[in-house]
Amino acid sequence: MHKPPHLMNTSAPIVCLGECLWDMLPTGRQPGGAPFNVALYLRQLGQPVQLISRVGNDELGAELLAAMACQELTSELVQRSESHLTGVVKVNFSEGRTAYKIVEPVAWDYLQHTDQLRAAVAASRMLVYGSLAARSATTRETLYRLLQVAPFKVFDVNLRPPHYTRTVVKYLLRQADLVKLDQQELTEIMSWLGQPATEATALPWLAAHFQLQAVCLTKGAAGATLWHNNQLIQHFQPVAAPTTLGSSDAFLAALLATWPTGNAAECLRAACAAAALVATQAGVFPPVLTPLGIAAALP
């Protein structure tokens, strides 16, 4: 049974689960991983948030924890590993695309299920997860167990070849209440299912097939489309630099921060404005994302 947005406990934290790592950019390194970024932006937007991840008991892990503390992001649910190193991703930008080389295995591949994590997820407003954290058996099993107690589940698809399988992605779709994906991901998933990827038919088909409350398609320079309550809602606000690291995560954070209002069109407008705002701050970490900033960026 899907929980209507207006019945959500907005004082409960949003829990983001998955990779917490260092993005090795041509310009240097910065903390990253979609769950980390979404949690950071939610914190900037004044939302109670917790991050579930795992880092190595090494220098890079200590620096990640320090970066979290600096941003007032609690590390209470970030586990420490004695046997695996903190994750790193080598990021390159070329011809308008972002290429990732994601090292494995690393600490976040070995996230352990604990009573503490289970209690935190059960008491949360929603659980945000992606496909990358499910690449390894240990973290995948932990995620599957935590999905059993999550009150509202948000699947940030985030396909990163070769770190996913059709079987796992389909399972994660079946568990979700709200799904966010881009056009390339939509095209690939619909091809698995033998369906066309035209948004006007694909989004409602996905929602019906996987019993989703909402499906959100991000389109970079073309804005975004949301299927919710049997309506296809579109918003056009081009992102100046769609490849800007973190703009998609800012989009999701703003969407989730406003989701309990129940006004899907306003949620979509805020999300697009957040992505556009972060895209103007390329090279700055952390980008500044505030409710006032989003309001100012609205067309």
C-alpha atoms as a PDB file:
ATOM      1  CA  MET A   1       0.000   0.000   0.000  1.00  0.00           C
ATOM      2  CA  HIS A   2       1.524   3.316  -1.092  1.00  0.00           C
ATOM      3  CA  LYS A   3       1.586   6.061   1.506  1.00  0.00           C
ATOM      4  CA  PRO A   4       0.082   9.346   0.180  1.00  0.00           C
ATOM      5  CA  PRO A   5       2.647  12.167   0.270  1.00  0.00           C
ATOM      6  CA  HIS A   6       0.605  14.325   2.650  1.00  0.00           C
ATOM      7  CA  LEU A   7       0.569  11.525   5.249  1.00  0.00           C
ATOM      8  CA  MET A   8       4.366  11.303   5.441  1.00  0.00           C
ATOM      9  CA  ASN A   9       6.053  12.155   8.716  1.00  0.00           C
ATOM     10  CA  THR A  10       8.120  15.147   7.595  1.00  0.00           C
ATOM     11  CA  SER A  11      10.026  15.231  10.882  1.00  0.00           C
ATOM     12  CA  ALA A  12      11.429  11.747  10.192  1.00  0.00           C
ATOM     13  CA  PRO A  13      14.747  11.604   8.331  1.00  0.00           C
ATOM     14  CA  ILE A  14      15.212  10.637   4.711  1.00  0.00           C
ATOM     15  CA  VAL A  15      17.739   7.790   4.594  1.00  0.00           C
ATOM     16  CA  CYS A  16      20.123   7.527   1.628  1.00  0.00           C
ATOM     17  CA  LEU A  17      21.867   4.167   1.194  1.00  0.00           C
ATOM     18  CA  GLY A  18      24.855   3.273  -0.949  1.00  0.00           C
ATOM     19  CA  GLU A  19      28.222   4.420  -2.177  1.00  0.00           C
ATOM     20  CA  CYS A  20      30.208   7.071  -0.322  1.00  0.00           C
ATOM     21  CA  LEU A  21      33.490   7.657  -2.133  1.00  0.00           C
ATOM     22  CA  TRP A  22      35.989  10.020  -3.691  1.00  0.00           C
ATOM     23  CA  ASP A  23      35.398  11.270  -7.229  1.00  0.00           C
ATOM     24  CA  MET A  24      38.834  11.584  -8.848  1.00  0.00           C
ATOM     25  CA  LEU A  25      38.277  14.468 -11.264  1.00  0.00           C
ATOM     26  CA  PRO A  26      40.722  15.961 -13.764  1.00  0.00           C
ATOM     27  CA  THR A  27      40.771  19.008 -11.465  1.00  0.00           C
ATOM     28  CA  GLY A  28      41.334  17.039  -8.246  1.00  0.00           C
ATOM     29  CA  ARG A  29      39.236  14.900  -5.914  1.00  0.00           C
ATOM     30  CA  GLN A  30      36.010  15.602  -4.088  1.00  0.00           C
ATOM     31  CA  PRO A  31      33.574  13.577  -1.960  1.00  0.00           C
ATOM     32  CA  GLY A  32      30.882  11.908  -4.016  1.00  0.00           C
ATOM     33  CA  GLY A  33      28.623   9.007  -4.802  1.00  0.00           C
ATOM     34  CA  ALA A  34      24.965   9.624  -5.630  1.00  0.00           C
ATOM     35  CA  PRO A  35      23.684   8.717  -2.119  1.00  0.00           C
ATOM     36  CA  PHE A  36      26.266  11.029  -0.528  1.00  0.00           C
ATOM     37  CA  ASN A  37      25.357  13.877  -2.902  1.00  0.00           C
ATOM     38  CA  VAL A  38      21.609  13.469  -2.416  1.00  0.00           C
ATOM     39  CA  ALA A  39      22.074  13.397   1.368  1.00  0.00           C
ATOM     40  CA  LEU A  40      24.255  16.519   1.230  1.00  0.00           C
ATOM     41  CA  TYR A  41      21.712  18.451  -0.847  1.00  0.00           C
ATOM     42  CA  LEU A  42      18.852  17.329   1.397  1.00  0.00           C
ATOM     43  CA  ARG A  43      20.825  18.603   4.388  1.00  0.00           C
ATOM     44  CA  GLN A  44      21.373  21.947   2.636  1.00  0.00           C
ATOM     45  CA  LEU A  45      17.621  22.136   2.036  1.00  0.00           C
ATOM     46  CA  GLY A  46      16.977  21.766   5.763  1.00  0.00           C
ATOM     47  CA  GLN A  47      15.767  18.170   5.651  1.00  0.00           C
ATOM     48  CA  PRO A  48      16.591  15.640   8.390  1.00  0.00           C
ATOM     49  CA  VAL A  49      18.759  13.051   6.637  1.00  0.00           C
ATOM     50  CA  GLN A  50      20.950  10.031   7.379  1.00  0.00           C
ATOM     51  CA  LEU A  51      23.495   8.300   5.146  1.00  0.00           C
ATOM     52  CA  ILE A  52      24.036   4.534   5.250  1.00  0.00           C
ATOM     53  CA  SER A  53      27.383   3.562   3.744  1.00  0.00           C
ATOM     54  CA  ARG A  54      30.773   2.038   4.533  1.00  0.00           C
ATOM     55  CA  VAL A  55      34.280   3.473   4.245  1.00  0.00           C
ATOM     56  CA  GLY A  56      37.718   2.026   4.849  1.00  0.00           C
ATOM     57  CA  ASN A  57      39.635   2.575   8.056  1.00  0.00           C
ATOM     58  CA  ASP A  58      42.184   4.534   6.025  1.00  0.00           C
ATOM     59  CA  GLU A  59      43.181   8.111   5.271  1.00  0.00           C
ATOM     60  CA  LEU A  60      40.607   8.569   2.509  1.00  0.00           C
ATOM     61  CA  GLY A  61      37.894   7.209   4.797  1.00  0.00           C
ATOM     62  CA  ALA A  62      38.875   9.575   7.603  1.00  0.00           C
ATOM     63  CA  GLU A  63      38.805  12.487   5.168  1.00  0.00           C
ATOM     64  CA  LEU A  64      35.328  11.511   3.942  1.00  0.00           C
ATOM     65  CA  LEU A  65      34.029  11.410   7.505  1.00  0.00           C
ATOM     66  CA  ALA A  66      35.627  14.807   8.138  1.00  0.00           C
ATOM     67  CA  ALA A  67      33.968  16.201   5.007  1.00  0.00           C
ATOM     68  CA  MET A  68      30.613  14.925   6.250  1.00  0.00           C
ATOM     69  CA  ALA A  69      31.142  16.551   9.644  1.00  0.00           C
ATOM     70  CA  CYS A  70      32.094  19.814   7.941  1.00  0.00           C
ATOM     71  CA  GLN A  71      28.762  19.758   6.096  1.00  0.00           C
ATOM     72  CA  GLU A  72      26.856  18.823   9.288  1.00  0.00           C
ATOM     73  CA  LEU A  73      25.953  15.460   7.762  1.00  0.00           C
ATOM     74  CA  THR A  74      25.858  12.756  10.425  1.00  0.00           C
ATOM     75  CA  SER A  75      28.082   9.696   9.931  1.00  0.00           C
ATOM     76  CA  GLU A  76      26.349   7.657  12.636  1.00  0.00           C
ATOM     77  CA  LEU A  77      25.264   5.015  10.085  1.00  0.00           C
ATOM     78  CA  VAL A  78      28.507   4.974   8.084  1.00  0.00           C
ATOM     79  CA  GLN A  79      30.349   1.749   8.873  1.00  0.00           C
ATOM     80  CA  ARG A  80      34.153   1.404   9.006  1.00  0.00           C
ATOM     81  CA  SER A  81      35.941  -1.467   7.300  1.00  0.00           C
ATOM     82  CA  GLU A  82      39.246  -2.941   8.413  1.00  0.00           C
ATOM     83  CA  SER A  83      39.537  -5.207   5.370  1.00  0.00           C
ATOM     84  CA  HIS A  84      38.601  -2.992   2.385  1.00  0.00           C
ATOM     85  CA  LEU A  85      39.662   0.436   1.183  1.00  0.00           C
ATOM     86  CA  THR A  86      37.486   3.509   0.798  1.00  0.00           C
ATOM     87  CA  GLY A  87      35.870   3.704  -2.637  1.00  0.00           C
ATOM     88  CA  VAL A  88      37.183   5.852  -5.478  1.00  0.00           C
ATOM     89  CA  VAL A  89      35.830   6.657  -8.938  1.00  0.00           C
ATOM     90  CA  LYS A  90      37.865   8.041 -11.807  1.00  0.00           C
ATOM     91  CA  VAL A  91      35.717  10.603 -13.645  1.00  0.00           C
ATOM     92  CA  ASN A  92      36.362  12.014 -17.115  1.00  0.00           C
ATOM     93  CA  PHE A  93      34.326  14.462 -19.200  1.00  0.00           C
ATOM     94  CA  SER A  94      34.403  14.111 -22.974  1.00  0.00           C
ATOM     95  CA  GLU A  95      32.116  15.316 -25.780  1.00  0.00           C
ATOM     96  CA  GLY A  96      29.258  16.164 -23.437  1.00  0.00           C
ATOM     97  CA  ARG A  97      29.325  12.818 -21.657  1.00  0.00           C
ATOM     98  CA  THR A  98      30.661  11.733 -18.272  1.00  0.00           C
ATOM     99  CA  ALA A  99      32.708   8.519 -18.099  1.00  0.00           C
ATOM    100  CA  TYR A 100      33.182   6.643 -14.814  1.00  0.00           C
ATOM    101  CA  LYS A 101      35.735   4.003 -13.848  1.00  0.00           C
ATOM    102  CA  ILE A 102      34.442   2.628 -10.562  1.00  0.00           C
ATOM    103  CA  VAL A 103      37.005   0.663  -8.546  1.00  0.00           C
ATOM    104  CA  GLU A 104      35.929  -2.646  -6.969  1.00  0.00           C
ATOM    105  CA  PRO A 105      35.814  -4.234  -4.497  1.00  0.00           C
ATOM    106  CA  VAL A 106      35.826  -1.445  -1.917  1.00  0.00           C
ATOM    107  CA  ALA A 107      34.359  -0.802   1.522  1.00  0.00           C
ATOM    108  CA  TRP A 108      30.816   0.093   0.422  1.00  0.00           C
ATOM    109  CA  ASP A 109      30.534  -3.278  -1.340  1.00  0.00           C
ATOM    110  CA  TYR A 110      30.499  -4.896   2.129  1.00  0.00           C
ATOM    111  CA  LEU A 111      27.752  -3.010   3.944  1.00  0.00           C
ATOM    112  CA  GLN A 112      26.640  -5.153   6.893  1.00  0.00           C
ATOM    113  CA  HIS A 113      23.007  -5.490   7.949  1.00  0.00           C
ATOM    114  CA  THR A 114      22.604  -4.481  11.605  1.00  0.00           C
ATOM    115  CA  ASP A 115      19.740  -3.861  13.995  1.00  0.00           C
ATOM    116  CA  GLN A 116      20.807  -0.200  14.054  1.00  0.00           C
ATOM    117  CA  LEU A 117      20.375   0.170  10.292  1.00  0.00           C
ATOM    118  CA  ARG A 118      17.069  -1.682  10.327  1.00  0.00           C
ATOM    119  CA  ALA A 119      15.671   0.525  13.094  1.00  0.00           C
ATOM    120  CA  ALA A 120      16.811   3.693  11.296  1.00  0.00           C
ATOM    121  CA  VAL A 121      15.151   2.689   8.020  1.00  0.00           C
ATOM    122  CA  ALA A 122      11.941   1.584   9.755  1.00  0.00           C
ATOM    123  CA  ALA A 123      11.703   4.992  11.454  1.00  0.00           C
ATOM    124  CA  SER A 124      12.543   6.988   8.329  1.00  0.00           C
ATOM    125  CA  ARG A 125      10.340   9.041   6.028  1.00  0.00           C
ATOM    126  CA  MET A 126      11.754   7.288   2.968  1.00  0.00           C
ATOM    127  CA  LEU A 127      14.703   5.183   1.807  1.00  0.00           C
ATOM    128  CA  VAL A 128      16.681   6.289  -1.267  1.00  0.00           C
ATOM    129  CA  TYR A 129      18.769   3.650  -3.065  1.00  0.00           C
ATOM    130  CA  GLY A 130      20.381   3.000  -6.448  1.00  0.00           C
ATOM    131  CA  SER A 131      21.559   0.118  -8.595  1.00  0.00           C
ATOM    132  CA  LEU A 132      25.286   0.629  -8.008  1.00  0.00           C
ATOM    133  CA  ALA A 133      25.192  -0.330  -4.326  1.00  0.00           C
ATOM    134  CA  ALA A 134      23.559  -3.621  -5.347  1.00  0.00           C
ATOM    135  CA  ARG A 135      26.518  -4.727  -7.494  1.00  0.00           C
ATOM    136  CA  SER A 136      27.977  -6.866  -4.685  1.00  0.00           C
ATOM    137  CA  ALA A 137      26.276  -9.766  -2.891  1.00  0.00           C
ATOM    138  CA  THR A 138      26.853  -8.420   0.636  1.00  0.00           C
ATOM    139  CA  THR A 139      25.511  -4.898   0.164  1.00  0.00           C
ATOM    140  CA  ARG A 140      22.737  -6.181  -2.105  1.00  0.00           C
ATOM    141  CA  GLU A 141      21.516  -8.559   0.623  1.00  0.00           C
ATOM    142  CA  THR A 142      21.630  -5.740   3.187  1.00  0.00           C
ATOM    143  CA  LEU A 143      19.640  -3.475   0.879  1.00  0.00           C
ATOM    144  CA  TYR A 144      17.051  -6.172   0.182  1.00  0.00           C
ATOM    145  CA  ARG A 145      16.529  -6.730   3.906  1.00  0.00           C
ATOM    146  CA  LEU A 146      16.199  -3.009   4.623  1.00  0.00           C
ATOM    147  CA  LEU A 147      13.686  -2.549   1.801  1.00  0.00           C
ATOM    148  CA  GLN A 148      11.372  -4.858   3.751  1.00  0.00           C
ATOM    149  CA  VAL A 149      10.930  -2.227   6.495  1.00  0.00           C
ATOM    150  CA  ALA A 150      11.161   1.041   4.522  1.00  0.00           C
ATOM    151  CA  PRO A 151       7.910   3.043   4.635  1.00  0.00           C
ATOM    152  CA  PHE A 152       8.474   4.666   1.219  1.00  0.00           C
ATOM    153  CA  LYS A 153      11.106   3.573  -1.302  1.00  0.00           C
ATOM    154  CA  VAL A 154      12.855   5.762  -3.882  1.00  0.00           C
ATOM    155  CA  PHE A 155      14.868   4.031  -6.618  1.00  0.00           C
ATOM    156  CA  ASP A 156      17.456   6.315  -8.235  1.00  0.00           C
ATOM    157  CA  VAL A 157      18.245   3.948 -11.104  1.00  0.00           C
ATOM    158  CA  ASN A 158      21.728   5.295 -11.969  1.00  0.00           C
ATOM    159  CA  LEU A 159      22.907   2.484 -14.286  1.00  0.00           C
ATOM    160  CA  ARG A 160      26.712   2.248 -14.461  1.00  0.00           C
ATOM    161  CA  PRO A 161      27.926  -0.531 -16.810  1.00  0.00           C
ATOM    162  CA  PRO A 162      29.001  -3.200 -16.041  1.00  0.00           C
ATOM    163  CA  HIS A 163      27.853  -2.876 -12.409  1.00  0.00           C
ATOM    164  CA  TYR A 164      24.269  -4.144 -12.742  1.00  0.00           C
ATOM    165  CA  THR A 165      22.154  -7.008 -14.069  1.00  0.00           C
ATOM    166  CA  ARG A 166      18.646  -7.042 -15.495  1.00  0.00           C
ATOM    167  CA  THR A 167      17.459  -9.340 -12.717  1.00  0.00           C
ATOM    168  CA  VAL A 168      18.624  -7.017  -9.932  1.00  0.00           C
ATOM    169  CA  VAL A 169      17.322  -3.842 -11.594  1.00  0.00           C
ATOM    170  CA  LYS A 170      13.905  -5.425 -12.163  1.00  0.00           C
ATOM    171  CA  TYR A 171      13.777  -6.507  -8.522  1.00  0.00           C
ATOM    172  CA  LEU A 172      14.678  -3.000  -7.345  1.00  0.00           C
ATOM    173  CA  LEU A 173      11.953  -1.563  -9.588  1.00  0.00           C
ATOM    174  CA  ARG A 174       9.383  -3.924  -8.056  1.00  0.00           C
ATOM    175  CA  GLN A 175      10.306  -2.706  -4.568  1.00  0.00           C
ATOM    176  CA  ALA A 176      10.022   1.007  -5.369  1.00  0.00           C
ATOM    177  CA  ASP A 177       7.315   3.594  -4.811  1.00  0.00           C
ATOM    178  CA  LEU A 178       9.031   6.376  -6.764  1.00  0.00           C
ATOM    179  CA  VAL A 179      11.575   5.860  -9.562  1.00  0.00           C
ATOM    180  CA  LYS A 180      13.937   8.420 -11.118  1.00  0.00           C
ATOM    181  CA  LEU A 181      15.818   7.651 -14.337  1.00  0.00           C
ATOM    182  CA  ASP A 182      17.147   9.335 -17.478  1.00  0.00           C
ATOM    183  CA  GLN A 183      16.280   8.706 -21.132  1.00  0.00           C
ATOM    184  CA  GLN A 184      19.165   6.303 -21.752  1.00  0.00           C
ATOM    185  CA  GLU A 185      18.157   4.234 -18.726  1.00  0.00           C
ATOM    186  CA  LEU A 186      14.494   4.289 -19.750  1.00  0.00           C
ATOM    187  CA  THR A 187      15.391   3.115 -23.255  1.00  0.00           C
ATOM    188  CA  GLU A 188      17.502   0.237 -21.952  1.00  0.00           C
ATOM    189  CA  ILE A 189      14.975  -0.949 -19.368  1.00  0.00           C
ATOM    190  CA  MET A 190      12.057  -0.791 -21.805  1.00  0.00           C
ATOM    191  CA  SER A 191      14.082  -2.819 -24.324  1.00  0.00           C
ATOM    192  CA  TRP A 192      14.432  -5.566 -21.695  1.00  0.00           C
ATOM    193  CA  LEU A 193      10.663  -5.563 -21.316  1.00  0.00           C
ATOM    194  CA  GLY A 194       9.888  -5.486 -25.048  1.00  0.00           C
ATOM    195  CA  GLN A 195       8.191  -2.074 -24.861  1.00  0.00           C
ATOM    196  CA  PRO A 196       8.739   1.247 -26.678  1.00  0.00           C
ATOM    197  CA  ALA A 197      10.607   3.952 -24.762  1.00  0.00           C
ATOM    198  CA  THR A 198       8.476   6.941 -25.776  1.00  0.00           C
ATOM    199  CA  GLU A 199       7.860   8.777 -22.492  1.00  0.00           C
ATOM    200  CA  ALA A 200       4.138   9.329 -23.038  1.00  0.00           C
ATOM    201  CA  THR A 201       3.522   5.564 -23.047  1.00  0.00           C
ATOM    202  CA  ALA A 202       6.619   4.211 -21.277  1.00  0.00           C
ATOM    203  CA  LEU A 203       6.208   6.065 -17.978  1.00  0.00           C
ATOM    204  CA  PRO A 204       2.588   4.989 -17.339  1.00  0.00           C
ATOM    205  CA  TRP A 205       3.424   1.465 -18.521  1.00  0.00           C
ATOM    206  CA  LEU A 206       6.329   1.222 -16.073  1.00  0.00           C
ATOM    207  CA  ALA A 207       4.164   2.579 -13.256  1.00  0.00           C
ATOM    208  CA  ALA A 208       1.437   0.032 -13.929  1.00  0.00           C
ATOM    209  CA  HIS A 209       3.800  -2.905 -14.504  1.00  0.00           C
ATOM    210  CA  PHE A 210       5.839  -2.348 -11.333  1.00  0.00           C
ATOM    211  CA  GLN A 211       3.023  -0.784  -9.260  1.00  0.00           C
ATOM    212  CA  LEU A 212       4.846   2.519  -8.805  1.00  0.00           C
ATOM    213  CA  GLN A 213       3.345   5.659  -7.301  1.00  0.00           C
ATOM    214  CA  ALA A 214       5.449   7.880  -9.559  1.00  0.00           C
ATOM    215  CA  VAL A 215       8.073   7.729 -12.311  1.00  0.00           C
ATOM    216  CA  CYS A 216      10.324  10.706 -13.025  1.00  0.00           C
ATOM    217  CA  LEU A 217      12.299  11.069 -16.257  1.00  0.00           C
ATOM    218  CA  THR A 218      15.158  13.597 -16.270  1.00  0.00           C
ATOM    219  CA  LYS A 219      16.036  15.014 -19.687  1.00  0.00           C
ATOM    220  CA  GLY A 220      18.903  17.443 -19.093  1.00  0.00           C
ATOM    221  CA  ALA A 221      18.505  20.372 -21.449  1.00  0.00           C
ATOM    222  CA  ALA A 222      14.863  19.380 -22.056  1.00  0.00           C
ATOM    223  CA  GLY A 223      13.774  19.508 -18.407  1.00  0.00           C
ATOM    224  CA  ALA A 224      11.901  16.567 -16.871  1.00  0.00           C
ATOM    225  CA  THR A 225       8.659  14.585 -17.037  1.00  0.00           C
ATOM    226  CA  LEU A 226       6.774  13.060 -14.105  1.00  0.00           C
ATOM    227  CA  TRP A 227       4.032  10.418 -14.189  1.00  0.00           C
ATOM    228  CA  HIS A 228       1.913  10.671 -11.031  1.00  0.00           C
ATOM    229  CA  ASN A 229      -1.780  10.141 -10.215  1.00  0.00           C
ATOM    230  CA  ASN A 230      -2.460   9.090 -13.820  1.00  0.00           C
ATOM    231  CA  GLN A 231      -1.098  12.372 -15.108  1.00  0.00           C
ATOM    232  CA  LEU A 232       1.921  13.144 -17.269  1.00  0.00           C
ATOM    233  CA  ILE A 233       3.460  16.363 -15.923  1.00  0.00           C
ATOM    234  CA  GLN A 234       6.217  18.121 -17.852  1.00  0.00           C
ATOM    235  CA  HIS A 235       8.491  20.989 -16.934  1.00  0.00           C
ATOM    236  CA  PHE A 236      10.990  22.636 -19.227  1.00  0.00           C
ATOM    237  CA  GLN A 237      13.940  24.270 -17.544  1.00  0.00           C
ATOM    238  CA  PRO A 238      17.169  23.580 -19.399  1.00  0.00           C
ATOM    239  CA  VAL A 239      20.258  22.730 -17.378  1.00  0.00           C
ATOM    240  CA  ALA A 240      23.146  24.871 -18.607  1.00  0.00           C
ATOM    241  CA  ALA A 241      25.638  22.001 -18.341  1.00  0.00           C
ATOM    242  CA  PRO A 242      23.782  18.661 -18.129  1.00  0.00           C
ATOM    243  CA  THR A 243      27.049  16.777 -17.459  1.00  0.00           C
ATOM    244  CA  THR A 244      27.780  18.803 -14.318  1.00  0.00           C
ATOM    245  CA  LEU A 245      28.540  16.344 -11.546  1.00  0.00           C
ATOM    246  CA  GLY A 246      25.759  16.389  -8.957  1.00  0.00           C
ATOM    247  CA  SER A 247      23.020  18.221 -10.875  1.00  0.00           C
ATOM    248  CA  SER A 248      20.946  15.036 -11.165  1.00  0.00           C
ATOM    249  CA  ASP A 249      21.414  14.412  -7.430  1.00  0.00           C
ATOM    250  CA  ALA A 250      20.325  17.977  -6.662  1.00  0.00           C
ATOM    251  CA  PHE A 251      17.228  17.344  -8.793  1.00  0.00           C
ATOM    252  CA  LEU A 252      16.303  14.281  -6.738  1.00  0.00           C
ATOM    253  CA  ALA A 253      16.981  15.974  -3.404  1.00  0.00           C
ATOM    254  CA  ALA A 254      14.705  18.909  -4.238  1.00  0.00           C
ATOM    255  CA  LEU A 255      12.015  16.565  -5.568  1.00  0.00           C
ATOM    256  CA  LEU A 256      12.025  14.537  -2.336  1.00  0.00           C
ATOM    257  CA  ALA A 257      12.241  17.587  -0.069  1.00  0.00           C
ATOM    258  CA  THR A 258       9.016  18.943  -1.577  1.00  0.00           C
ATOM    259  CA  TRP A 259       7.262  15.611  -2.223  1.00  0.00           C
ATOM    260  CA  PRO A 260       5.196  15.586   1.027  1.00  0.00           C
ATOM    261  CA  THR A 261       3.336  18.710  -0.203  1.00  0.00           C
ATOM    262  CA  GLY A 262       1.391  16.469  -2.546  1.00  0.00           C
ATOM    263  CA  ASN A 263       1.675  18.987  -5.413  1.00  0.00           C
ATOM    264  CA  ALA A 264       3.610  16.989  -8.000  1.00  0.00           C
ATOM    265  CA  ALA A 265       3.867  19.835 -10.515  1.00  0.00           C
ATOM    266  CA  GLU A 266       5.473  22.140  -7.928  1.00  0.00           C
ATOM    267  CA  CYS A 267       7.834  19.348  -6.846  1.00  0.00           C
ATOM    268  CA  LEU A 268       8.953  18.940 -10.455  1.00  0.00           C
ATOM    269  CA  ARG A 269       9.487  22.694 -10.896  1.00  0.00           C
ATOM    270  CA  ALA A 270      11.608  22.853  -7.745  1.00  0.00           C
ATOM    271  CA  ALA A 271      13.644  19.824  -8.821  1.00  0.00           C
ATOM    272  CA  CYS A 272      14.415  21.266 -12.257  1.00  0.00           C
ATOM    273  CA  ALA A 273      15.371  24.607 -10.705  1.00  0.00           C
ATOM    274  CA  ALA A 274      17.710  22.842  -8.258  1.00  0.00           C
ATOM    275  CA  ALA A 275      19.465  20.960 -11.073  1.00  0.00           C
ATOM    276  CA  ALA A 276      19.861  24.181 -13.073  1.00  0.00           C
ATOM    277  CA  LEU A 277      21.204  26.019 -10.021  1.00  0.00           C
ATOM    278  CA  VAL A 278      23.853  23.383  -9.247  1.00  0.00           C
ATOM    279  CA  ALA A 279      24.867  23.233 -12.925  1.00  0.00           C
ATOM    280  CA  THR A 280      25.852  26.913 -12.759  1.00  0.00           C
ATOM    281  CA  GLN A 281      28.342  26.088  -9.992  1.00  0.00           C
ATOM    282  CA  ALA A 282      30.549  23.649 -11.911  1.00  0.00           C
ATOM    283  CA  GLY A 283      33.861  23.112 -10.144  1.00  0.00           C
ATOM    284  CA  VAL A 284      32.593  24.363  -6.788  1.00  0.00           C
ATOM    285  CA  PHE A 285      32.279  21.895  -3.912  1.00  0.00           C
ATOM    286  CA  PRO A 286      29.984  21.747  -2.244  1.00  0.00           C
ATOM    287  CA  PRO A 287      27.573  23.605  -4.524  1.00  0.00           C
ATOM    288  CA  VAL A 288      25.155  25.784  -2.579  1.00  0.00           C
ATOM    289  CA  LEU A 289      21.547  24.603  -2.721  1.00  0.00           C
ATOM    290  CA  THR A 290      18.992  26.488  -0.618  1.00  0.00           C
ATOM    291  CA  PRO A 291      15.216  26.930  -0.786  1.00  0.00           C
ATOM    292  CA  LEU A 292      15.755  30.630  -1.552  1.00  0.00           C
ATOM    293  CA  GLY A 293      18.236  29.755  -4.286  1.00  0.00           C
ATOM    294  CA  ILE A 294      15.773  27.335  -5.846  1.00  0.00           C
ATOM    295  CA  ALA A 295      13.006  29.922  -5.680  1.00  0.00           C
ATOM    296  CA  ALA A 296      15.235  32.446  -7.417  1.00  0.00           C
ATOM    297  CA  ALA A 297      16.113  29.915 -10.139  1.00  0.00           C
ATOM    298  CA  LEU A 298      12.463  29.164 -10.977  1.00  0.00           C
ATOM    299  CA  PRO A 299      11.498  30.414 -14.450  1.00  0.00           C
END
